[in-house]
Amino acid sequence: MQRYLLDTSALLALRDDEPGADRVAEILALATTGAVRCYGCFVSLMEVLDRVWRDESESAGRLAYQQCLSLPIEWVHESEALLIRAAEIKAQHPLSLADAWIAACAAETGAVLLHKHPEFNPLKLAQEVLPFKLPAPPS
């Protein structure tokens, strides 16, 4: 069965209806029917909460967090094996701490990492890159 791990950027693309939101929605719909398994890293929950809180409001951030929890996603939480895998990835690649955890979750679950970040490209993981958000046209 195909497995996907949604990076924070994929979750935010869905929430904000950015380019790639349709692909994220398609994968989640397949997960709802049991056709695929969909995973998320625990750190993405914090990143969504933080980002929306900072950009919009605390209540919007908390709502976004709850919405993530309601999705057909199996949330991968910290374990010793995951910690060691994240440290290995971080030691070998110039990634943020959060991205190292997310990559480790994809590796541990054998999932295709669905993301928008070029920092993940050098990793030896199955990946699907979503389109970037286009900048707003000048006024």
Protein backbone atom coordinates (compact mmCIF):
# COMPACT_ATOMS: atom_id res chain seq x y z
CA MET A 1 0.00 0.00 0.00
CA GLN A 2 1.30 3.45 -0.92
CA ARG A 3 2.26 5.64 2.03
CA TYR A 4 2.61 9.42 2.17
CA LEU A 5 3.98 11.70 4.85
CA LEU A 6 2.66 15.26 4.64
CA ASP A 7 5.22 17.93 5.47
CA THR A 8 4.07 21.11 7.21
CA SER A 9 4.16 22.89 3.84
CA ALA A 10 1.66 20.38 2.44
CA LEU A 11 -0.68 20.90 5.40
CA LEU A 12 -0.47 24.67 5.04
CA ALA A 13 -0.99 24.46 1.26
CA LEU A 14 -4.23 22.60 1.92
CA ARG A 15 -5.35 25.03 4.61
CA ASP A 16 -4.53 28.14 2.60
CA ASP A 17 -5.66 26.70 -0.77
CA GLU A 18 -2.22 27.24 -2.26
CA PRO A 19 -0.83 25.51 -5.36
CA GLY A 20 -0.65 21.79 -4.58
CA ALA A 21 -3.72 21.85 -2.30
CA ASP A 22 -5.59 19.69 -4.79
CA ARG A 23 -2.90 16.99 -4.63
CA VAL A 24 -2.92 17.03 -0.82
CA ALA A 25 -6.73 16.76 -0.82
CA GLU A 26 -6.52 13.86 -3.31
CA ILE A 27 -4.13 11.94 -1.04
CA LEU A 28 -6.28 12.61 2.02
CA ALA A 29 -9.38 11.41 0.14
CA LEU A 30 -7.54 8.21 -0.76
CA ALA A 31 -6.52 7.81 2.90
CA THR A 32 -10.17 8.16 3.93
CA THR A 33 -11.08 5.19 1.72
CA GLY A 34 -8.10 3.14 2.91
CA ALA A 35 -6.46 3.17 -0.53
CA VAL A 36 -3.30 4.78 0.89
CA ARG A 37 -1.87 5.44 4.34
CA CYS A 38 -1.17 9.01 5.29
CA TYR A 39 1.26 10.10 8.02
CA GLY A 40 2.30 13.33 9.67
CA CYS A 41 5.15 14.18 12.00
CA PHE A 42 4.32 15.47 15.47
CA VAL A 43 6.50 18.53 14.86
CA SER A 44 4.27 19.59 11.96
CA LEU A 45 1.41 20.01 14.42
CA MET A 46 3.50 22.54 16.35
CA GLU A 47 4.62 24.27 13.15
CA VAL A 48 1.04 24.68 11.91
CA LEU A 49 -0.12 25.99 15.29
CA ASP A 50 2.83 28.41 15.50
CA ARG A 51 2.63 29.68 11.93
CA VAL A 52 -1.12 30.34 11.91
CA TRP A 53 -1.01 31.84 15.43
CA ARG A 54 1.76 34.26 14.40
CA ASP A 55 0.22 35.14 11.03
CA GLU A 56 -3.43 35.34 12.07
CA SER A 57 -4.33 34.84 15.74
CA GLU A 58 -4.12 32.40 18.61
CA SER A 59 -7.68 31.19 18.02
CA ALA A 60 -6.99 30.63 14.30
CA GLY A 61 -3.84 28.71 15.21
CA ARG A 62 -5.67 26.50 17.67
CA LEU A 63 -8.40 25.85 15.09
CA ALA A 64 -5.80 24.93 12.44
CA TYR A 65 -4.20 22.53 14.95
CA GLN A 66 -7.57 20.87 15.67
CA GLN A 67 -8.29 20.64 11.95
CA CYS A 68 -4.99 18.81 11.43
CA LEU A 69 -5.95 16.32 14.13
CA SER A 70 -9.26 15.66 12.37
CA LEU A 71 -7.60 14.68 9.08
CA PRO A 72 -7.14 10.99 8.13
CA ILE A 73 -3.48 11.16 9.18
CA GLU A 74 -1.59 8.82 11.48
CA TRP A 75 0.59 11.11 13.61
CA VAL A 76 4.10 9.82 14.24
CA HIS A 77 5.39 10.81 17.68
CA GLU A 78 8.87 10.89 19.16
CA SER A 79 10.57 7.59 19.93
CA GLU A 80 14.20 6.60 20.47
CA ALA A 81 14.46 5.11 16.95
CA LEU A 82 12.99 8.27 15.44
CA LEU A 83 15.30 10.47 17.49
CA ILE A 84 18.37 8.57 16.29
CA ARG A 85 17.17 8.68 12.66
CA ALA A 86 16.49 12.46 12.92
CA ALA A 87 19.94 13.07 14.45
CA GLU A 88 21.58 11.02 11.68
CA ILE A 89 19.76 13.02 9.00
CA LYS A 90 20.55 16.35 10.70
CA ALA A 91 24.24 15.42 11.08
CA GLN A 92 24.53 14.62 7.37
CA HIS A 93 22.38 17.36 5.80
CA PRO A 94 21.89 21.11 6.33
CA LEU A 95 18.26 20.87 7.49
CA SER A 96 16.36 22.64 10.23
CA LEU A 97 15.65 20.59 13.33
CA ALA A 98 11.97 20.33 12.38
CA ASP A 99 12.79 19.18 8.85
CA ALA A 100 15.16 16.53 10.23
CA TRP A 101 12.32 15.13 12.36
CA ILE A 102 9.92 15.23 9.39
CA ALA A 103 12.42 13.46 7.11
CA ALA A 104 13.04 10.87 9.82
CA CYS A 105 9.30 10.21 10.07
CA ALA A 106 9.12 9.67 6.31
CA ALA A 107 12.09 7.30 6.47
CA GLU A 108 10.74 5.36 9.46
CA THR A 109 7.29 4.90 7.90
CA GLY A 110 8.59 4.16 4.39
CA ALA A 111 6.44 7.00 3.10
CA VAL A 112 6.75 9.34 0.15
CA LEU A 113 7.54 12.77 1.58
CA LEU A 114 5.07 15.31 0.16
CA HIS A 115 6.55 18.82 0.47
CA LYS A 116 7.50 22.18 -1.08
CA HIS A 117 11.03 22.52 0.32
CA PRO A 118 14.12 22.17 -1.92
CA GLU A 119 16.15 21.43 1.24
CA PHE A 120 14.70 17.90 1.18
CA ASN A 121 15.78 17.18 -2.42
CA PRO A 122 19.29 15.79 -1.60
CA LEU A 123 17.84 13.23 0.84
CA LYS A 124 17.60 9.63 -0.28
CA LEU A 125 13.87 9.47 0.36
CA ALA A 126 10.95 8.94 -1.98
CA GLN A 127 9.59 12.44 -2.52
CA GLU A 128 6.85 14.31 -4.32
CA VAL A 129 7.41 18.05 -4.58
CA LEU A 130 4.37 20.31 -4.60
CA PRO A 131 4.35 23.54 -6.62
CA PHE A 132 5.48 26.71 -4.88
CA LYS A 133 3.10 29.52 -4.03
CA LEU A 134 3.44 32.19 -6.67
CA PRO A 135 4.35 35.66 -5.44
CA ALA A 136 1.63 38.29 -5.53
CA PRO A 137 1.78 40.49 -8.63
CA PRO A 138 3.12 43.99 -8.04
CA SER A 139 0.49 46.66 -7.49
